[in-house]
Structures are given as C-alpha cells and as structure tokens.
Amino acid sequence: MYTFKEDSSIVGVAELRSKTSNVLNEIKKNKVILTKRNKPVGIIIDYKEYEKMQKIIDEVEDIVLGNIARDRIKRKDREAISLEEAEKRVGLY
C-alpha cells in the first residue's frame, strides 16, 4: 500500500486479496484507490463518507431540479398546473 496524498492510498488488486484487513483499516483514514496493472479501476471509501457524498449529491440534484422547474414556470408559452391538477389528470386523485 502506497500513500501518495494525505487522504489517499493506492492498493493493487493482488495486495487487496492478500491484505484485506489492512485495507479495511486504511479506509477508516483514507480513500483507497484500487489499481490493476498500475491503472486505477476503482475507489474504496468508508461507508460514512459515501453516505455524506450521497446526501450532497441529492441536495444538489434537488436544487438543480428546483431551478429548472422555476425557469419553466416563468416561460410565457407554457401553462403551469398545480400538483393536485396533475394528479387528477393522471388519475391519482
């Protein structure tokens, strides 16, 4: 295992097979870049770090979709309907 940045380490696939417990301990401190034949093939991160990343992605998607919806409402050539009206039109209400 080679640490090349303060928060990242490189591990080869063969090393992962032989030293799994060491790698599992390493992901508590650093991101681990998994390589095969010296080429990156994946990243192993702590699950809590993954959850944080997913939460940020979800929040950014919500903001972007909200901005798209707001821009669509501002268009004069488009008719906007309420959620209740949309539900009635598709038979949910």
PDB file of N, CA and C in Angstrom:
ATOM      1  N   MET A   1       0.853  -1.171   0.000  1.00  0.00           N
ATOM      2  CA  MET A   1       0.000   0.000   0.000  1.00  0.00           C
ATOM      3  C   MET A   1       0.895   1.229   0.000  1.00  0.00           C
ATOM      4  N   TYR A   2       0.535   2.172  -0.853  1.00  0.00           N
ATOM      5  CA  TYR A   2       1.326   3.387  -1.002  1.00  0.00           C
ATOM      6  C   TYR A   2       0.436   4.593  -0.784  1.00  0.00           C
ATOM      7  N   THR A   3       0.762   5.455   0.177  1.00  0.00           N
ATOM      8  CA  THR A   3       0.010   6.681   0.412  1.00  0.00           C
ATOM      9  C   THR A   3       0.670   7.796  -0.378  1.00  0.00           C
ATOM     10  N   PHE A   4      -0.070   8.362  -1.339  1.00  0.00           N
ATOM     11  CA  PHE A   4       0.526   9.384  -2.178  1.00  0.00           C
ATOM     12  C   PHE A   4       0.002  10.774  -1.886  1.00  0.00           C
ATOM     13  N   LYS A   5      -1.113  10.893  -1.244  1.00  0.00           N
ATOM     14  CA  LYS A   5      -1.644  12.159  -0.764  1.00  0.00           C
ATOM     15  C   LYS A   5      -2.013  11.950   0.684  1.00  0.00           C
ATOM     16  N   GLU A   6      -2.233  13.036   1.360  1.00  0.00           N
ATOM     17  CA  GLU A   6      -2.574  12.929   2.776  1.00  0.00           C
ATOM     18  C   GLU A   6      -3.810  12.072   3.004  1.00  0.00           C
ATOM     19  N   ASP A   7      -4.774  12.113   2.066  1.00  0.00           N
ATOM     20  CA  ASP A   7      -6.032  11.403   2.279  1.00  0.00           C
ATOM     21  C   ASP A   7      -6.285  10.280   1.279  1.00  0.00           C
ATOM     22  N   SER A   8      -5.264   9.830   0.549  1.00  0.00           N
ATOM     23  CA  SER A   8      -5.450   8.777  -0.453  1.00  0.00           C
ATOM     24  C   SER A   8      -4.302   7.771  -0.432  1.00  0.00           C
ATOM     25  N   SER A   9      -4.661   6.532  -0.661  1.00  0.00           N
ATOM     26  CA  SER A   9      -3.665   5.461  -0.750  1.00  0.00           C
ATOM     27  C   SER A   9      -3.936   4.659  -2.019  1.00  0.00           C
ATOM     28  N   ILE A  10      -2.908   4.007  -2.532  1.00  0.00           N
ATOM     29  CA  ILE A  10      -3.048   3.153  -3.707  1.00  0.00           C
ATOM     30  C   ILE A  10      -2.818   1.712  -3.279  1.00  0.00           C
ATOM     31  N   VAL A  11      -3.709   0.828  -3.728  1.00  0.00           N
ATOM     32  CA  VAL A  11      -3.594  -0.597  -3.421  1.00  0.00           C
ATOM     33  C   VAL A  11      -3.845  -1.374  -4.708  1.00  0.00           C
ATOM     34  N   GLY A  12      -2.975  -2.312  -5.000  1.00  0.00           N
ATOM     35  CA  GLY A  12      -3.182  -3.192  -6.141  1.00  0.00           C
ATOM     36  C   GLY A  12      -4.174  -4.287  -5.808  1.00  0.00           C
ATOM     37  N   VAL A  13      -4.800  -4.827  -6.836  1.00  0.00           N
ATOM     38  CA  VAL A  13      -5.777  -5.898  -6.638  1.00  0.00           C
ATOM     39  C   VAL A  13      -5.152  -7.077  -5.897  1.00  0.00           C
ATOM     40  N   ALA A  14      -3.944  -7.443  -6.256  1.00  0.00           N
ATOM     41  CA  ALA A  14      -3.279  -8.572  -5.591  1.00  0.00           C
ATOM     42  C   ALA A  14      -3.069  -8.289  -4.112  1.00  0.00           C
ATOM     43  N   GLU A  15      -2.679  -7.052  -3.803  1.00  0.00           N
ATOM     44  CA  GLU A  15      -2.481  -6.679  -2.402  1.00  0.00           C
ATOM     45  C   GLU A  15      -3.807  -6.677  -1.648  1.00  0.00           C
ATOM     46  N   LEU A  16      -4.869  -6.250  -2.311  1.00  0.00           N
ATOM     47  CA  LEU A  16      -6.195  -6.267  -1.681  1.00  0.00           C
ATOM     48  C   LEU A  16      -6.573  -7.693  -1.295  1.00  0.00           C
ATOM     49  N   ARG A  17      -6.289  -8.630  -2.165  1.00  0.00           N
ATOM     50  CA  ARG A  17      -6.607 -10.039  -1.866  1.00  0.00           C
ATOM     51  C   ARG A  17      -5.814 -10.561  -0.670  1.00  0.00           C
ATOM     52  N   SER A  18      -4.557 -10.186  -0.597  1.00  0.00           N
ATOM     53  CA  SER A  18      -3.707 -10.748   0.453  1.00  0.00           C
ATOM     54  C   SER A  18      -3.739  -9.974   1.766  1.00  0.00           C
ATOM     55  N   LYS A  19      -4.133  -8.700   1.700  1.00  0.00           N
ATOM     56  CA  LYS A  19      -4.110  -7.865   2.906  1.00  0.00           C
ATOM     57  C   LYS A  19      -5.435  -7.121   3.112  1.00  0.00           C
ATOM     58  N   THR A  20      -6.521  -7.846   2.968  1.00  0.00           N
ATOM     59  CA  THR A  20      -7.845  -7.240   3.066  1.00  0.00           C
ATOM     60  C   THR A  20      -8.049  -6.509   4.384  1.00  0.00           C
ATOM     61  N   SER A  21      -7.645  -7.087   5.477  1.00  0.00           N
ATOM     62  CA  SER A  21      -7.867  -6.443   6.776  1.00  0.00           C
ATOM     63  C   SER A  21      -7.099  -5.129   6.877  1.00  0.00           C
ATOM     64  N   ASN A  22      -5.889  -5.069   6.313  1.00  0.00           N
ATOM     65  CA  ASN A  22      -5.127  -3.813   6.316  1.00  0.00           C
ATOM     66  C   ASN A  22      -5.846  -2.738   5.506  1.00  0.00           C
ATOM     67  N   VAL A  23      -6.394  -3.142   4.365  1.00  0.00           N
ATOM     68  CA  VAL A  23      -7.112  -2.185   3.511  1.00  0.00           C
ATOM     69  C   VAL A  23      -8.372  -1.694   4.223  1.00  0.00           C
ATOM     70  N   LEU A  24      -9.079  -2.588   4.876  1.00  0.00           N
ATOM     71  CA  LEU A  24     -10.287  -2.183   5.616  1.00  0.00           C
ATOM     72  C   LEU A  24      -9.948  -1.191   6.723  1.00  0.00           C
ATOM     73  N   ASN A  25      -8.809  -1.358   7.362  1.00  0.00           N
ATOM     74  CA  ASN A  25      -8.371  -0.385   8.370  1.00  0.00           C
ATOM     75  C   ASN A  25      -7.980   0.940   7.713  1.00  0.00           C
ATOM     76  N   GLU A  26      -7.377   0.866   6.538  1.00  0.00           N
ATOM     77  CA  GLU A  26      -6.928   2.069   5.833  1.00  0.00           C
ATOM     78  C   GLU A  26      -8.103   2.958   5.400  1.00  0.00           C
ATOM     79  N   ILE A  27      -9.226   2.342   5.001  1.00  0.00           N
ATOM     80  CA  ILE A  27     -10.353   3.165   4.529  1.00  0.00           C
ATOM     81  C   ILE A  27     -10.985   3.984   5.651  1.00  0.00           C
ATOM     82  N   LYS A  28     -10.686   3.643   6.891  1.00  0.00           N
ATOM     83  CA  LYS A  28     -11.169   4.468   8.004  1.00  0.00           C
ATOM     84  C   LYS A  28     -10.448   5.807   8.040  1.00  0.00           C
ATOM     85  N   LYS A  29      -9.232   5.857   7.460  1.00  0.00           N
ATOM     86  CA  LYS A  29      -8.413   7.074   7.472  1.00  0.00           C
ATOM     87  C   LYS A  29      -8.333   7.745   6.107  1.00  0.00           C
ATOM     88  N   ASN A  30      -8.266   6.950   5.055  1.00  0.00           N
ATOM     89  CA  ASN A  30      -8.004   7.462   3.711  1.00  0.00           C
ATOM     90  C   ASN A  30      -8.906   6.824   2.666  1.00  0.00           C
ATOM     91  N   LYS A  31      -9.031   7.515   1.535  1.00  0.00           N
ATOM     92  CA  LYS A  31      -9.626   6.892   0.356  1.00  0.00           C
ATOM     93  C   LYS A  31      -8.582   5.942  -0.197  1.00  0.00           C
ATOM     94  N   VAL A  32      -9.017   4.796  -0.689  1.00  0.00           N
ATOM     95  CA  VAL A  32      -8.085   3.823  -1.250  1.00  0.00           C
ATOM     96  C   VAL A  32      -8.391   3.686  -2.742  1.00  0.00           C
ATOM     97  N   ILE A  33      -7.386   3.964  -3.556  1.00  0.00           N
ATOM     98  CA  ILE A  33      -7.528   3.818  -4.999  1.00  0.00           C
ATOM     99  C   ILE A  33      -7.060   2.413  -5.350  1.00  0.00           C
ATOM    100  N   LEU A  34      -7.962   1.645  -5.927  1.00  0.00           N
ATOM    101  CA  LEU A  34      -7.676   0.263  -6.289  1.00  0.00           C
ATOM    102  C   LEU A  34      -7.141   0.237  -7.719  1.00  0.00           C
ATOM    103  N   THR A  35      -5.993  -0.423  -7.911  1.00  0.00           N
ATOM    104  CA  THR A  35      -5.381  -0.478  -9.240  1.00  0.00           C
ATOM    105  C   THR A  35      -5.227  -1.921  -9.717  1.00  0.00           C
ATOM    106  N   LYS A  36      -5.229  -2.056 -11.021  1.00  0.00           N
ATOM    107  CA  LYS A  36      -4.957  -3.338 -11.651  1.00  0.00           C
ATOM    108  C   LYS A  36      -3.974  -3.058 -12.780  1.00  0.00           C
ATOM    109  N   ARG A  37      -2.817  -3.681 -12.709  1.00  0.00           N
ATOM    110  CA  ARG A  37      -1.731  -3.435 -13.667  1.00  0.00           C
ATOM    111  C   ARG A  37      -1.371  -1.953 -13.717  1.00  0.00           C
ATOM    112  N   ASN A  38      -1.305  -1.362 -12.537  1.00  0.00           N
ATOM    113  CA  ASN A  38      -0.934   0.046 -12.338  1.00  0.00           C
ATOM    114  C   ASN A  38      -1.904   1.046 -12.954  1.00  0.00           C
ATOM    115  N   LYS A  39      -3.134   0.626 -13.222  1.00  0.00           N
ATOM    116  CA  LYS A  39      -4.157   1.542 -13.728  1.00  0.00           C
ATOM    117  C   LYS A  39      -5.311   1.561 -12.741  1.00  0.00           C
ATOM    118  N   PRO A  40      -5.814   2.752 -12.410  1.00  0.00           N
ATOM    119  CA  PRO A  40      -6.922   2.831 -11.456  1.00  0.00           C
ATOM    120  C   PRO A  40      -8.181   2.153 -11.993  1.00  0.00           C
ATOM    121  N   VAL A  41      -8.817   1.356 -11.142  1.00  0.00           N
ATOM    122  CA  VAL A  41     -10.049   0.663 -11.529  1.00  0.00           C
ATOM    123  C   VAL A  41     -11.208   0.956 -10.579  1.00  0.00           C
ATOM    124  N   GLY A  42     -10.930   1.571  -9.451  1.00  0.00           N
ATOM    125  CA  GLY A  42     -11.999   1.870  -8.506  1.00  0.00           C
ATOM    126  C   GLY A  42     -11.475   2.580  -7.276  1.00  0.00           C
ATOM    127  N   ILE A  43     -12.422   3.011  -6.463  1.00  0.00           N
ATOM    128  CA  ILE A  43     -12.074   3.674  -5.207  1.00  0.00           C
ATOM    129  C   ILE A  43     -12.865   3.016  -4.090  1.00  0.00           C
ATOM    130  N   ILE A  44     -12.199   2.762  -2.989  1.00  0.00           N
ATOM    131  CA  ILE A  44     -12.842   2.201  -1.807  1.00  0.00           C
ATOM    132  C   ILE A  44     -12.838   3.288  -0.740  1.00  0.00           C
ATOM    133  N   ILE A  45     -14.026   3.594  -0.216  1.00  0.00           N
ATOM    134  CA  ILE A  45     -14.133   4.628   0.814  1.00  0.00           C
ATOM    135  C   ILE A  45     -14.951   4.098   1.985  1.00  0.00           C
ATOM    136  N   ASP A  46     -14.808   4.759   3.098  1.00  0.00           N
ATOM    137  CA  ASP A  46     -15.583   4.432   4.285  1.00  0.00           C
ATOM    138  C   ASP A  46     -17.063   4.681   4.008  1.00  0.00           C
ATOM    139  N   TYR A  47     -17.929   3.833   4.533  1.00  0.00           N
ATOM    140  CA  TYR A  47     -19.364   3.944   4.258  1.00  0.00           C
ATOM    141  C   TYR A  47     -19.938   5.275   4.723  1.00  0.00           C
ATOM    142  N   LYS A  48     -19.477   5.795   5.851  1.00  0.00           N
ATOM    143  CA  LYS A  48     -19.977   7.091   6.331  1.00  0.00           C
ATOM    144  C   LYS A  48     -19.627   8.202   5.353  1.00  0.00           C
ATOM    145  N   GLU A  49     -18.434   8.143   4.762  1.00  0.00           N
ATOM    146  CA  GLU A  49     -18.021   9.112   3.757  1.00  0.00           C
ATOM    147  C   GLU A  49     -18.909   8.996   2.519  1.00  0.00           C
ATOM    148  N   TYR A  50     -19.223   7.775   2.128  1.00  0.00           N
ATOM    149  CA  TYR A  50     -20.116   7.536   0.997  1.00  0.00           C
ATOM    150  C   TYR A  50     -21.495   8.151   1.254  1.00  0.00           C
ATOM    151  N   GLU A  51     -22.029   7.934   2.463  1.00  0.00           N
ATOM    152  CA  GLU A  51     -23.341   8.497   2.802  1.00  0.00           C
ATOM    153  C   GLU A  51     -23.321  10.017   2.726  1.00  0.00           C
ATOM    154  N   LYS A  52     -22.246  10.649   3.206  1.00  0.00           N
ATOM    155  CA  LYS A  52     -22.128  12.114   3.123  1.00  0.00           C
ATOM    156  C   LYS A  52     -22.137  12.574   1.670  1.00  0.00           C
ATOM    157  N   MET A  53     -21.386  11.868   0.846  1.00  0.00           N
ATOM    158  CA  MET A  53     -21.327  12.223  -0.575  1.00  0.00           C
ATOM    159  C   MET A  53     -22.696  12.086  -1.230  1.00  0.00           C
ATOM    160  N   GLN A  54     -23.416  11.012  -0.930  1.00  0.00           N
ATOM    161  CA  GLN A  54     -24.741  10.803  -1.497  1.00  0.00           C
ATOM    162  C   GLN A  54     -25.714  11.899  -1.062  1.00  0.00           C
ATOM    163  N   LYS A  55     -25.625  12.307   0.199  1.00  0.00           N
ATOM    164  CA  LYS A  55     -26.502  13.361   0.705  1.00  0.00           C
ATOM    165  C   LYS A  55     -26.243  14.669  -0.050  1.00  0.00           C
ATOM    166  N   ILE A  56     -24.986  14.994  -0.266  1.00  0.00           N
ATOM    167  CA  ILE A  56     -24.631  16.213  -1.000  1.00  0.00           C
ATOM    168  C   ILE A  56     -25.148  16.132  -2.429  1.00  0.00           C
ATOM    169  N   ILE A  57     -24.958  14.985  -3.074  1.00  0.00           N
ATOM    170  CA  ILE A  57     -25.445  14.808  -4.449  1.00  0.00           C
ATOM    171  C   ILE A  57     -26.954  14.979  -4.511  1.00  0.00           C
ATOM    172  N   ASP A  58     -27.678  14.377  -3.564  1.00  0.00           N
ATOM    173  CA  ASP A  58     -29.134  14.502  -3.536  1.00  0.00           C
ATOM    174  C   ASP A  58     -29.567  15.958  -3.365  1.00  0.00           C
ATOM    175  N   GLU A  59     -28.891  16.683  -2.489  1.00  0.00           N
ATOM    176  CA  GLU A  59     -29.242  18.087  -2.264  1.00  0.00           C
ATOM    177  C   GLU A  59     -28.968  18.930  -3.507  1.00  0.00           C
ATOM    178  N   VAL A  60     -27.856  18.682  -4.178  1.00  0.00           N
ATOM    179  CA  VAL A  60     -27.535  19.420  -5.401  1.00  0.00           C
ATOM    180  C   VAL A  60     -28.571  19.112  -6.487  1.00  0.00           C
ATOM    181  N   GLU A  61     -28.948  17.836  -6.628  1.00  0.00           N
ATOM    182  CA  GLU A  61     -29.974  17.473  -7.613  1.00  0.00           C
ATOM    183  C   GLU A  61     -31.285  18.191  -7.318  1.00  0.00           C
ATOM    184  N   ASP A  62     -31.679  18.259  -6.047  1.00  0.00           N
ATOM    185  CA  ASP A  62     -32.910  18.958  -5.678  1.00  0.00           C
ATOM    186  C   ASP A  62     -32.843  20.431  -6.072  1.00  0.00           C
ATOM    187  N   ILE A  63     -31.701  21.061  -5.823  1.00  0.00           N
ATOM    188  CA  ILE A  63     -31.536  22.475  -6.165  1.00  0.00           C
ATOM    189  C   ILE A  63     -31.623  22.672  -7.672  1.00  0.00           C
ATOM    190  N   VAL A  64     -30.930  21.831  -8.425  1.00  0.00           N
ATOM    191  CA  VAL A  64     -30.935  21.946  -9.886  1.00  0.00           C
ATOM    192  C   VAL A  64     -32.347  21.721 -10.437  1.00  0.00           C
ATOM    193  N   LEU A  65     -33.021  20.676  -9.983  1.00  0.00           N
ATOM    194  CA  LEU A  65     -34.379  20.409 -10.461  1.00  0.00           C
ATOM    195  C   LEU A  65     -35.337  21.524 -10.073  1.00  0.00           C
ATOM    196  N   GLY A  66     -35.159  22.088  -8.880  1.00  0.00           N
ATOM    197  CA  GLY A  66     -35.984  23.227  -8.466  1.00  0.00           C
ATOM    198  C   GLY A  66     -35.771  24.430  -9.366  1.00  0.00           C
ATOM    199  N   ASN A  67     -34.521  24.689  -9.732  1.00  0.00           N
ATOM    200  CA  ASN A  67     -34.230  25.805 -10.639  1.00  0.00           C
ATOM    201  C   ASN A  67     -34.824  25.572 -12.020  1.00  0.00           C
ATOM    202  N   ILE A  68     -34.749  24.339 -12.513  1.00  0.00           N
ATOM    203  CA  ILE A  68     -35.351  24.012 -13.812  1.00  0.00           C
ATOM    204  C   ILE A  68     -36.858  24.241 -13.764  1.00  0.00           C
ATOM    205  N   ALA A  69     -37.496  23.768 -12.691  1.00  0.00           N
ATOM    206  CA  ALA A  69     -38.943  23.945 -12.549  1.00  0.00           C
ATOM    207  C   ALA A  69     -39.300  25.426 -12.476  1.00  0.00           C
ATOM    208  N   ARG A  70     -38.528  26.201 -11.733  1.00  0.00           N
ATOM    209  CA  ARG A  70     -38.785  27.639 -11.612  1.00  0.00           C
ATOM    210  C   ARG A  70     -38.654  28.329 -12.972  1.00  0.00           C
ATOM    211  N   ASP A  71     -37.643  27.951 -13.743  1.00  0.00           N
ATOM    212  CA  ASP A  71     -37.456  28.528 -15.074  1.00  0.00           C
ATOM    213  C   ASP A  71     -38.606  28.165 -16.007  1.00  0.00           C
ATOM    214  N   ARG A  72     -39.094  26.948 -15.895  1.00  0.00           N
ATOM    215  CA  ARG A  72     -40.220  26.530 -16.741  1.00  0.00           C
ATOM    216  C   ARG A  72     -41.481  27.298 -16.399  1.00  0.00           C
ATOM    217  N   ILE A  73     -41.707  27.571 -15.131  1.00  0.00           N
ATOM    218  CA  ILE A  73     -42.900  28.322 -14.724  1.00  0.00           C
ATOM    219  C   ILE A  73     -42.857  29.730 -15.289  1.00  0.00           C
ATOM    220  N   LYS A  74     -41.670  30.302 -15.398  1.00  0.00           N
ATOM    221  CA  LYS A  74     -41.523  31.668 -15.896  1.00  0.00           C
ATOM    222  C   LYS A  74     -41.770  31.789 -17.396  1.00  0.00           C
ATOM    223  N   ARG A  75     -41.735  30.695 -18.128  1.00  0.00           N
ATOM    224  CA  ARG A  75     -41.977  30.754 -19.567  1.00  0.00           C
ATOM    225  C   ARG A  75     -43.414  31.177 -19.829  1.00  0.00           C
ATOM    226  N   LYS A  76     -43.567  32.100 -20.717  1.00  0.00           N
ATOM    227  CA  LYS A  76     -44.915  32.602 -21.014  1.00  0.00           C
ATOM    228  C   LYS A  76     -45.672  31.676 -21.947  1.00  0.00           C
ATOM    229  N   ASP A  77     -44.969  30.874 -22.726  1.00  0.00           N
ATOM    230  CA  ASP A  77     -45.633  29.993 -23.681  1.00  0.00           C
ATOM    231  C   ASP A  77     -46.045  28.656 -23.069  1.00  0.00           C
ATOM    232  N   ARG A  78     -45.797  28.468 -21.792  1.00  0.00           N
ATOM    233  CA  ARG A  78     -46.136  27.212 -21.127  1.00  0.00           C
ATOM    234  C   ARG A  78     -47.214  27.443 -20.076  1.00  0.00           C
ATOM    235  N   GLU A  79     -48.123  26.505 -20.006  1.00  0.00           N
ATOM    236  CA  GLU A  79     -49.152  26.562 -18.975  1.00  0.00           C
ATOM    237  C   GLU A  79     -48.681  25.756 -17.771  1.00  0.00           C
ATOM    238  N   ALA A  80     -48.753  26.329 -16.590  1.00  0.00           N
ATOM    239  CA  ALA A  80     -48.392  25.617 -15.365  1.00  0.00           C
ATOM    240  C   ALA A  80     -49.665  25.164 -14.676  1.00  0.00           C
ATOM    241  N   ILE A  81     -49.621  23.951 -14.123  1.00  0.00           N
ATOM    242  CA  ILE A  81     -50.759  23.450 -13.369  1.00  0.00           C
ATOM    243  C   ILE A  81     -50.288  23.049 -11.984  1.00  0.00           C
ATOM    244  N   SER A  82     -51.224  22.989 -11.070  1.00  0.00           N
ATOM    245  CA  SER A  82     -50.885  22.608  -9.698  1.00  0.00           C
ATOM    246  C   SER A  82     -50.657  21.101  -9.621  1.00  0.00           C
ATOM    247  N   LEU A  83     -50.046  20.677  -8.526  1.00  0.00           N
ATOM    248  CA  LEU A  83     -49.822  19.252  -8.298  1.00  0.00           C
ATOM    249  C   LEU A  83     -51.155  18.507  -8.238  1.00  0.00           C
ATOM    250  N   GLU A  84     -52.125  19.108  -7.587  1.00  0.00           N
ATOM    251  CA  GLU A  84     -53.438  18.464  -7.481  1.00  0.00           C
ATOM    252  C   GLU A  84     -54.061  18.255  -8.859  1.00  0.00           C
ATOM    253  N   GLU A  85     -53.949  19.261  -9.736  1.00  0.00           N
ATOM    254  CA  GLU A  85     -54.499  19.145 -11.084  1.00  0.00           C
ATOM    255  C   GLU A  85     -53.763  18.061 -11.870  1.00  0.00           C
ATOM    256  N   ALA A  86     -52.446  17.975 -11.718  1.00  0.00           N
ATOM    257  CA  ALA A  86     -51.671  16.941 -12.408  1.00  0.00           C
ATOM    258  C   ALA A  86     -52.083  15.555 -11.924  1.00  0.00           C
ATOM    259  N   GLU A  87     -52.295  15.408 -10.624  1.00  0.00           N
ATOM    260  CA  GLU A  87     -52.732  14.127 -10.085  1.00  0.00           C
ATOM    261  C   GLU A  87     -54.098  13.735 -10.625  1.00  0.00           C
ATOM    262  N   LYS A  88     -55.014  14.707 -10.742  1.00  0.00           N
ATOM    263  CA  LYS A  88     -56.347  14.421 -11.309  1.00  0.00           C
ATOM    264  C   LYS A  88     -56.230  13.988 -12.754  1.00  0.00           C
ATOM    265  N   ARG A  89     -55.364  14.641 -13.518  1.00  0.00           N
ATOM    266  CA  ARG A  89     -55.222  14.327 -14.946  1.00  0.00           C
ATOM    267  C   ARG A  89     -54.680  12.913 -15.178  1.00  0.00           C
ATOM    268  N   VAL A  90     -53.856  12.435 -14.285  1.00  0.00           N
ATOM    269  CA  VAL A  90     -53.309  11.083 -14.463  1.00  0.00           C
ATOM    270  C   VAL A  90     -54.076  10.039 -13.654  1.00  0.00           C
ATOM    271  N   GLY A  91     -55.128  10.457 -12.981  1.00  0.00           N
ATOM    272  CA  GLY A  91     -55.980   9.524 -12.270  1.00  0.00           C
ATOM    273  C   GLY A  91     -55.503   9.109 -10.899  1.00  0.00           C
ATOM    274  N   LEU A  92     -54.683   9.933 -10.266  1.00  0.00           N
ATOM    275  CA  LEU A  92     -54.203   9.596  -8.920  1.00  0.00           C
ATOM    276  C   LEU A  92     -55.039  10.231  -7.819  1.00  0.00           C
ATOM    277  N   TYR A  93     -55.894  11.128  -8.158  1.00  0.00           N
ATOM    278  CA  TYR A  93     -56.607  11.899  -7.144  1.00  0.00           C
ATOM    279  C   TYR A  93     -58.079  11.788  -7.291  1.00  0.00           C
TER     280      TYR A  93
END
